[in-house]
Amino acid sequence: TMIDLITSPQQAEFGLAERDAPPGFCRRCDVRFACHGG
């Protein structure tokens, strides 16, 4: 089912990567809260 695929651990990991994967230079930026790394 689509809902099972959407709520899968794989998709959850994909969504969190936007927050967790940027390099340190990005995470330390004073405007990161505004762009979130793009």
All heavy atoms as atom14 arrays in JSON, in Angstrom:
{
  "sequence": "TMIDLITSPQQAEFGLAERDAPPGFCRRCDVRFACHGG",
  "atom14_mask": [
    [1, 1, 1, 1, 1, 1, 1, 0, 0, 0, 0, 0, 0, 0],
    [1, 1, 1, 1, 1, 1, 1, 1, 0, 0, 0, 0, 0, 0],
    [1, 1, 1, 1, 1, 1, 1, 1, 0, 0, 0, 0, 0, 0],
    [1, 1, 1, 1, 1, 1, 1, 1, 0, 0, 0, 0, 0, 0],
    [1, 1, 1, 1, 1, 1, 1, 1, 0, 0, 0, 0, 0, 0],
    [1, 1, 1, 1, 1, 1, 1, 1, 0, 0, 0, 0, 0, 0],
    [1, 1, 1, 1, 1, 1, 1, 0, 0, 0, 0, 0, 0, 0],
    [1, 1, 1, 1, 1, 1, 0, 0, 0, 0, 0, 0, 0, 0],
    [1, 1, 1, 1, 1, 1, 1, 0, 0, 0, 0, 0, 0, 0],
    [1, 1, 1, 1, 1, 1, 1, 1, 1, 0, 0, 0, 0, 0],
    [1, 1, 1, 1, 1, 1, 1, 1, 1, 0, 0, 0, 0, 0],
    [1, 1, 1, 1, 1, 0, 0, 0, 0, 0, 0, 0, 0, 0],
    [1, 1, 1, 1, 1, 1, 1, 1, 1, 0, 0, 0, 0, 0],
    [1, 1, 1, 1, 1, 1, 1, 1, 1, 1, 1, 0, 0, 0],
    [1, 1, 1, 1, 0, 0, 0, 0, 0, 0, 0, 0, 0, 0],
    [1, 1, 1, 1, 1, 1, 1, 1, 0, 0, 0, 0, 0, 0],
    [1, 1, 1, 1, 1, 0, 0, 0, 0, 0, 0, 0, 0, 0],
    [1, 1, 1, 1, 1, 1, 1, 1, 1, 0, 0, 0, 0, 0],
    [1, 1, 1, 1, 1, 1, 1, 1, 1, 1, 1, 0, 0, 0],
    [1, 1, 1, 1, 1, 1, 1, 1, 0, 0, 0, 0, 0, 0],
    [1, 1, 1, 1, 1, 0, 0, 0, 0, 0, 0, 0, 0, 0],
    [1, 1, 1, 1, 1, 1, 1, 0, 0, 0, 0, 0, 0, 0],
    [1, 1, 1, 1, 1, 1, 1, 0, 0, 0, 0, 0, 0, 0],
    [1, 1, 1, 1, 0, 0, 0, 0, 0, 0, 0, 0, 0, 0],
    [1, 1, 1, 1, 1, 1, 1, 1, 1, 1, 1, 0, 0, 0],
    [1, 1, 1, 1, 1, 1, 0, 0, 0, 0, 0, 0, 0, 0],
    [1, 1, 1, 1, 1, 1, 1, 1, 1, 1, 1, 0, 0, 0],
    [1, 1, 1, 1, 1, 1, 1, 1, 1, 1, 1, 0, 0, 0],
    [1, 1, 1, 1, 1, 1, 0, 0, 0, 0, 0, 0, 0, 0],
    [1, 1, 1, 1, 1, 1, 1, 1, 0, 0, 0, 0, 0, 0],
    [1, 1, 1, 1, 1, 1, 1, 0, 0, 0, 0, 0, 0, 0],
    [1, 1, 1, 1, 1, 1, 1, 1, 1, 1, 1, 0, 0, 0],
    [1, 1, 1, 1, 1, 1, 1, 1, 1, 1, 1, 0, 0, 0],
    [1, 1, 1, 1, 1, 0, 0, 0, 0, 0, 0, 0, 0, 0],
    [1, 1, 1, 1, 1, 1, 0, 0, 0, 0, 0, 0, 0, 0],
    [1, 1, 1, 1, 1, 1, 1, 1, 1, 1, 0, 0, 0, 0],
    [1, 1, 1, 1, 0, 0, 0, 0, 0, 0, 0, 0, 0, 0],
    [1, 1, 1, 1, 0, 0, 0, 0, 0, 0, 0, 0, 0, 0]
  ],
  "atom14_positions": [
    [[0.83, -1.2, 0.0], [0.0, 0.0, 0.0], [0.87, 1.26, 0.0], [1.98, 1.27, 0.54], [-0.93, 0.04, 1.23], [-0.15, 0.17, 2.4], [-1.78, -1.22, 1.3], [0.0, 0.0, 0.0], [0.0, 0.0, 0.0], [0.0, 0.0, 0.0], [0.0, 0.0, 0.0], [0.0, 0.0, 0.0], [0.0, 0.0, 0.0], [0.0, 0.0, 0.0]],
    [[0.33, 2.32, -0.59], [1.09, 3.56, -0.68], [1.41, 4.11, 0.72], [2.52, 4.6, 0.95], [0.31, 4.61, -1.48], [1.08, 5.9, -1.69], [0.18, 7.15, -2.65], [0.13, 6.38, -4.26], [0.0, 0.0, 0.0], [0.0, 0.0, 0.0], [0.0, 0.0, 0.0], [0.0, 0.0, 0.0], [0.0, 0.0, 0.0], [0.0, 0.0, 0.0]],
    [[0.47, 4.02, 1.64], [0.71, 4.56, 2.98], [1.84, 3.82, 3.67], [2.65, 4.41, 4.4], [-0.58, 4.54, 3.84], [-0.37, 5.33, 5.14], [-1.01, 3.1, 4.13], [-0.1, 6.79, 4.93], [0.0, 0.0, 0.0], [0.0, 0.0, 0.0], [0.0, 0.0, 0.0], [0.0, 0.0, 0.0], [0.0, 0.0, 0.0], [0.0, 0.0, 0.0]],
    [[1.95, 2.51, 3.43], [3.05, 1.74, 4.03], [4.39, 2.17, 3.43], [5.4, 2.23, 4.15], [2.84, 0.24, 3.81], [1.78, -0.35, 4.73], [1.49, 0.29, 5.76], [1.25, -1.43, 4.41], [0.0, 0.0, 0.0], [0.0, 0.0, 0.0], [0.0, 0.0, 0.0], [0.0, 0.0, 0.0], [0.0, 0.0, 0.0], [0.0, 0.0, 0.0]],
    [[4.41, 2.48, 2.15], [5.64, 2.92, 1.51], [6.03, 4.31, 2.0], [7.2, 4.6, 2.25], [5.47, 2.92, -0.02], [5.27, 1.55, -0.68], [4.96, 1.72, -2.17], [6.5, 0.67, -0.5], [0.0, 0.0, 0.0], [0.0, 0.0, 0.0], [0.0, 0.0, 0.0], [0.0, 0.0, 0.0], [0.0, 0.0, 0.0], [0.0, 0.0, 0.0]],
    [[5.03, 5.19, 2.13], [5.31, 6.56, 2.56], [5.83, 6.61, 3.99], [6.68, 7.44, 4.33], [4.04, 7.42, 2.42], [3.69, 7.59, 0.94], [4.21, 8.78, 3.08], [2.37, 8.28, 0.69], [0.0, 0.0, 0.0], [0.0, 0.0, 0.0], [0.0, 0.0, 0.0], [0.0, 0.0, 0.0], [0.0, 0.0, 0.0], [0.0, 0.0, 0.0]],
    [[5.32, 5.7, 4.84], [5.73, 5.7, 6.25], [6.87, 4.72, 6.53], [7.18, 4.44, 7.69], [4.53, 5.34, 7.15], [4.0, 4.05, 6.75], [3.43, 6.4, 7.03], [0.0, 0.0, 0.0], [0.0, 0.0, 0.0], [0.0, 0.0, 0.0], [0.0, 0.0, 0.0], [0.0, 0.0, 0.0], [0.0, 0.0, 0.0], [0.0, 0.0, 0.0]],
    [[7.51, 4.25, 5.49], [8.6, 3.28, 5.66], [9.84, 3.93, 6.27], [10.05, 5.14, 6.14], [8.96, 2.67, 4.3], [9.53, 3.67, 3.45], [0.0, 0.0, 0.0], [0.0, 0.0, 0.0], [0.0, 0.0, 0.0], [0.0, 0.0, 0.0], [0.0, 0.0, 0.0], [0.0, 0.0, 0.0], [0.0, 0.0, 0.0], [0.0, 0.0, 0.0]],
    [[10.68, 3.15, 6.94], [11.95, 3.68, 7.47], [12.81, 4.31, 6.38], [13.51, 5.3, 6.64], [12.62, 2.45, 8.08], [11.48, 1.55, 8.44], [10.47, 1.74, 7.33], [0.0, 0.0, 0.0], [0.0, 0.0, 0.0], [0.0, 0.0, 0.0], [0.0, 0.0, 0.0], [0.0, 0.0, 0.0], [0.0, 0.0, 0.0], [0.0, 0.0, 0.0]],
    [[12.77, 3.76, 5.18], [13.56, 4.32, 4.08], [13.15, 5.76, 3.78], [14.0, 6.64, 3.59], [13.41, 3.46, 2.81], [14.2, 3.99, 1.62], [13.98, 3.17, 0.36], [13.44, 2.06, 0.4], [14.39, 3.69, -0.78], [0.0, 0.0, 0.0], [0.0, 0.0, 0.0], [0.0, 0.0, 0.0], [0.0, 0.0, 0.0], [0.0, 0.0, 0.0]],
    [[11.85, 6.01, 3.74], [11.38, 7.36, 3.46], [11.65, 8.31, 4.63], [11.98, 9.48, 4.43], [9.89, 7.35, 3.12], [9.32, 8.69, 2.73], [9.93, 9.27, 1.46], [10.76, 8.64, 0.8], [9.54, 10.48, 1.1], [0.0, 0.0, 0.0], [0.0, 0.0, 0.0], [0.0, 0.0, 0.0], [0.0, 0.0, 0.0], [0.0, 0.0, 0.0]],
    [[11.52, 7.81, 5.84], [11.83, 8.64, 7.0], [13.29, 9.05, 6.99], [13.63, 10.22, 7.26], [11.51, 7.86, 8.28], [0.0, 0.0, 0.0], [0.0, 0.0, 0.0], [0.0, 0.0, 0.0], [0.0, 0.0, 0.0], [0.0, 0.0, 0.0], [0.0, 0.0, 0.0], [0.0, 0.0, 0.0], [0.0, 0.0, 0.0], [0.0, 0.0, 0.0]],
    [[14.17, 8.12, 6.64], [15.6, 8.43, 6.56], [15.88, 9.45, 5.46], [16.69, 10.37, 5.63], [16.39, 7.15, 6.3], [17.89, 7.35, 6.25], [18.64, 6.04, 5.99], [18.0, 4.97, 6.0], [19.86, 6.11, 5.77], [0.0, 0.0, 0.0], [0.0, 0.0, 0.0], [0.0, 0.0, 0.0], [0.0, 0.0, 0.0], [0.0, 0.0, 0.0]],
    [[15.18, 9.31, 4.33], [15.34, 10.26, 3.24], [14.96, 11.67, 3.69], [15.66, 12.65, 3.42], [14.46, 9.84, 2.05], [14.48, 10.82, 0.9], [15.44, 10.73, -0.09], [13.53, 11.84, 0.82], [15.47, 11.64, -1.14], [13.56, 12.75, -0.22], [14.53, 12.64, -1.21], [0.0, 0.0, 0.0], [0.0, 0.0, 0.0], [0.0, 0.0, 0.0]],
    [[13.83, 11.79, 4.38], [13.37, 13.1, 4.82], [14.29, 13.76, 5.83], [14.48, 14.98, 5.8], [0.0, 0.0, 0.0], [0.0, 0.0, 0.0], [0.0, 0.0, 0.0], [0.0, 0.0, 0.0], [0.0, 0.0, 0.0], [0.0, 0.0, 0.0], [0.0, 0.0, 0.0], [0.0, 0.0, 0.0], [0.0, 0.0, 0.0], [0.0, 0.0, 0.0]],
    [[14.88, 12.98, 6.71], [15.76, 13.52, 7.73], [17.13, 13.91, 7.18], [17.84, 14.71, 7.8], [15.94, 12.5, 8.86], [14.7, 12.24, 9.72], [14.97, 11.1, 10.69], [14.3, 13.5, 10.49], [0.0, 0.0, 0.0], [0.0, 0.0, 0.0], [0.0, 0.0, 0.0], [0.0, 0.0, 0.0], [0.0, 0.0, 0.0], [0.0, 0.0, 0.0]],
    [[17.49, 13.37, 6.02], [18.8, 13.65, 5.44], [18.96, 15.13, 5.1], [20.07, 15.66, 5.15], [19.01, 12.81, 4.19], [0.0, 0.0, 0.0], [0.0, 0.0, 0.0], [0.0, 0.0, 0.0], [0.0, 0.0, 0.0], [0.0, 0.0, 0.0], [0.0, 0.0, 0.0], [0.0, 0.0, 0.0], [0.0, 0.0, 0.0], [0.0, 0.0, 0.0]],
    [[17.86, 15.81, 4.77], [17.96, 17.24, 4.47], [18.5, 17.99, 5.68], [19.28, 18.94, 5.54], [16.6, 17.81, 4.06], [16.68, 19.31, 3.73], [15.4, 19.85, 3.1], [14.38, 19.14, 3.1], [15.44, 20.98, 2.61], [0.0, 0.0, 0.0], [0.0, 0.0, 0.0], [0.0, 0.0, 0.0], [0.0, 0.0, 0.0], [0.0, 0.0, 0.0]],
    [[18.1, 17.58, 6.87], [18.55, 18.23, 8.09], [19.92, 17.75, 8.55], [20.75, 18.53, 9.03], [17.53, 17.95, 9.21], [17.87, 18.58, 10.55], [16.99, 18.0, 11.65], [17.3, 16.6, 11.89], [16.53, 15.78, 12.62], [15.41, 16.23, 13.15], [16.89, 14.52, 12.8], [0.0, 0.0, 0.0], [0.0, 0.0, 0.0], [0.0, 0.0, 0.0]],
    [[20.16, 16.44, 8.39], [21.34, 15.83, 9.02], [22.57, 15.7, 8.12], [23.68, 15.53, 8.64], [20.97, 14.44, 9.54], [19.86, 14.48, 10.58], [19.69, 15.55, 11.21], [19.16, 13.46, 10.74], [0.0, 0.0, 0.0], [0.0, 0.0, 0.0], [0.0, 0.0, 0.0], [0.0, 0.0, 0.0], [0.0, 0.0, 0.0], [0.0, 0.0, 0.0]],
    [[22.39, 15.78, 6.78], [23.49, 15.49, 5.88], [24.38, 16.66, 5.48], [25.47, 16.44, 4.97], [22.95, 14.81, 4.61], [0.0, 0.0, 0.0], [0.0, 0.0, 0.0], [0.0, 0.0, 0.0], [0.0, 0.0, 0.0], [0.0, 0.0, 0.0], [0.0, 0.0, 0.0], [0.0, 0.0, 0.0], [0.0, 0.0, 0.0], [0.0, 0.0, 0.0]],
    [[23.98, 17.93, 5.64], [24.84, 19.03, 5.18], [26.21, 19.01, 5.84], [26.34, 18.55, 6.98], [24.06, 20.29, 5.57], [22.65, 19.85, 5.66], [22.71, 18.45, 6.19], [0.0, 0.0, 0.0], [0.0, 0.0, 0.0], [0.0, 0.0, 0.0], [0.0, 0.0, 0.0], [0.0, 0.0, 0.0], [0.0, 0.0, 0.0], [0.0, 0.0, 0.0]],
    [[27.23, 19.52, 5.17], [28.56, 19.59, 5.77], [28.61, 20.57, 6.94], [27.7, 21.39, 7.12], [29.45, 20.07, 4.6], [28.5, 20.78, 3.69], [27.2, 20.06, 3.79], [0.0, 0.0, 0.0], [0.0, 0.0, 0.0], [0.0, 0.0, 0.0], [0.0, 0.0, 0.0], [0.0, 0.0, 0.0], [0.0, 0.0, 0.0], [0.0, 0.0, 0.0]],
    [[29.67, 20.47, 7.73], [29.8, 21.32, 8.91], [29.76, 22.8, 8.59], [29.21, 23.6, 9.34], [0.0, 0.0, 0.0], [0.0, 0.0, 0.0], [0.0, 0.0, 0.0], [0.0, 0.0, 0.0], [0.0, 0.0, 0.0], [0.0, 0.0, 0.0], [0.0, 0.0, 0.0], [0.0, 0.0, 0.0], [0.0, 0.0, 0.0], [0.0, 0.0, 0.0]],
    [[30.31, 23.2, 7.45], [30.31, 24.59, 7.03], [28.88, 25.11, 6.94], [28.59, 26.25, 7.34], [31.0, 24.72, 5.67], [31.01, 26.11, 5.09], [31.96, 27.03, 5.47], [30.06, 26.47, 4.13], [31.97, 28.31, 4.93], [30.06, 27.75, 3.58], [31.02, 28.66, 3.99], [0.0, 0.0, 0.0], [0.0, 0.0, 0.0], [0.0, 0.0, 0.0]],
    [[27.98, 24.29, 6.45], [26.57, 24.65, 6.32], [25.9, 24.67, 7.69], [25.16, 25.6, 8.02], [25.88, 23.66, 5.39], [24.1, 23.94, 5.19], [0.0, 0.0, 0.0], [0.0, 0.0, 0.0], [0.0, 0.0, 0.0], [0.0, 0.0, 0.0], [0.0, 0.0, 0.0], [0.0, 0.0, 0.0], [0.0, 0.0, 0.0], [0.0, 0.0, 0.0]],
    [[26.15, 23.66, 8.5], [25.49, 23.57, 9.81], [25.88, 24.72, 10.73], [25.12, 25.08, 11.62], [25.79, 22.22, 10.46], [25.19, 21.03, 9.72], [25.2, 19.79, 10.59], [26.54, 19.39, 10.97], [27.32, 18.57, 10.26], [26.88, 18.09, 9.1], [28.52, 18.24, 10.69], [0.0, 0.0, 0.0], [0.0, 0.0, 0.0], [0.0, 0.0, 0.0]],
    [[27.05, 25.29, 10.52], [27.51, 26.39, 11.37], [27.09, 27.76, 10.85], [27.33, 28.78, 11.5], [29.04, 26.36, 11.49], [29.59, 25.16, 12.23], [31.08, 25.29, 12.48], [31.84, 25.32, 11.23], [32.33, 24.24, 10.61], [32.12, 23.04, 11.13], [33.01, 24.36, 9.49], [0.0, 0.0, 0.0], [0.0, 0.0, 0.0], [0.0, 0.0, 0.0]],
    [[26.44, 27.82, 9.71], [26.08, 29.08, 9.07], [25.0, 29.82, 9.87], [24.06, 29.21, 10.38], [25.58, 28.81, 7.65], [25.07, 30.3, 6.75], [0.0, 0.0, 0.0], [0.0, 0.0, 0.0], [0.0, 0.0, 0.0], [0.0, 0.0, 0.0], [0.0, 0.0, 0.0], [0.0, 0.0, 0.0], [0.0, 0.0, 0.0], [0.0, 0.0, 0.0]],
    [[25.14, 31.15, 9.94], [24.18, 31.92, 10.75], [22.84, 32.13, 10.06], [21.91, 32.67, 10.68], [24.78, 33.26, 11.16], [25.09, 34.17, 9.97], [25.01, 33.7, 8.82], [25.4, 35.34, 10.2], [0.0, 0.0, 0.0], [0.0, 0.0, 0.0], [0.0, 0.0, 0.0], [0.0, 0.0, 0.0], [0.0, 0.0, 0.0], [0.0, 0.0, 0.0]],
    [[22.7, 31.73, 8.8], [21.4, 31.81, 8.15], [20.88, 30.42, 7.75], [19.94, 30.3, 6.98], [21.42, 32.74, 6.91], [21.67, 34.17, 7.32], [22.42, 32.27, 5.87], [0.0, 0.0, 0.0], [0.0, 0.0, 0.0], [0.0, 0.0, 0.0], [0.0, 0.0, 0.0], [0.0, 0.0, 0.0], [0.0, 0.0, 0.0], [0.0, 0.0, 0.0]],
    [[21.47, 29.4, 8.32], [21.01, 28.06, 7.97], [19.54, 27.85, 8.33], [18.79, 27.15, 7.64], [21.86, 27.0, 8.68], [21.53, 25.6, 8.14], [22.01, 24.5, 9.04], [21.47, 23.22, 8.55], [21.44, 22.12, 9.27], [21.91, 22.13, 10.49], [20.91, 21.02, 8.78], [0.0, 0.0, 0.0], [0.0, 0.0, 0.0], [0.0, 0.0, 0.0]],
    [[19.09, 28.47, 9.43], [17.69, 28.33, 9.84], [16.74, 28.85, 8.77], [15.56, 28.49, 8.74], [17.45, 29.09, 11.15], [17.44, 30.58, 10.97], [16.27, 31.27, 10.73], [18.63, 31.3, 11.01], [16.27, 32.65, 10.55], [18.64, 32.67, 10.84], [17.46, 33.35, 10.61], [0.0, 0.0, 0.0], [0.0, 0.0, 0.0], [0.0, 0.0, 0.0]],
    [[17.24, 29.72, 7.89], [16.39, 30.31, 6.85], [16.39, 29.48, 5.57], [15.36, 29.35, 4.92], [16.85, 31.73, 6.54], [0.0, 0.0, 0.0], [0.0, 0.0, 0.0], [0.0, 0.0, 0.0], [0.0, 0.0, 0.0], [0.0, 0.0, 0.0], [0.0, 0.0, 0.0], [0.0, 0.0, 0.0], [0.0, 0.0, 0.0], [0.0, 0.0, 0.0]],
    [[17.52, 28.91, 5.21], [17.57, 28.13, 3.96], [17.58, 26.63, 4.21], [17.24, 25.86, 3.32], [18.8, 28.53, 3.14], [20.36, 27.8, 3.68], [0.0, 0.0, 0.0], [0.0, 0.0, 0.0], [0.0, 0.0, 0.0], [0.0, 0.0, 0.0], [0.0, 0.0, 0.0], [0.0, 0.0, 0.0], [0.0, 0.0, 0.0], [0.0, 0.0, 0.0]],
    [[18.0, 26.2, 5.41], [18.08, 24.78, 5.76], [18.94, 23.98, 4.78], [18.68, 22.8, 4.54], [16.69, 24.17, 5.89], [15.96, 24.62, 7.12], [16.38, 24.33, 8.41], [14.85, 25.39, 7.26], [15.57, 24.87, 9.28], [14.63, 25.53, 8.62], [0.0, 0.0, 0.0], [0.0, 0.0, 0.0], [0.0, 0.0, 0.0], [0.0, 0.0, 0.0]],
    [[19.92, 24.66, 4.21], [20.85, 23.95, 3.33], [20.37, 23.75, 1.91], [21.11, 23.25, 1.07], [0.0, 0.0, 0.0], [0.0, 0.0, 0.0], [0.0, 0.0, 0.0], [0.0, 0.0, 0.0], [0.0, 0.0, 0.0], [0.0, 0.0, 0.0], [0.0, 0.0, 0.0], [0.0, 0.0, 0.0], [0.0, 0.0, 0.0], [0.0, 0.0, 0.0]],
    [[19.13, 24.14, 1.63], [18.6, 23.97, 0.28], [18.32, 22.52, -0.07], [18.58, 21.61, 0.72], [0.0, 0.0, 0.0], [0.0, 0.0, 0.0], [0.0, 0.0, 0.0], [0.0, 0.0, 0.0], [0.0, 0.0, 0.0], [0.0, 0.0, 0.0], [0.0, 0.0, 0.0], [0.0, 0.0, 0.0], [0.0, 0.0, 0.0], [0.0, 0.0, 0.0]]
  ]
}
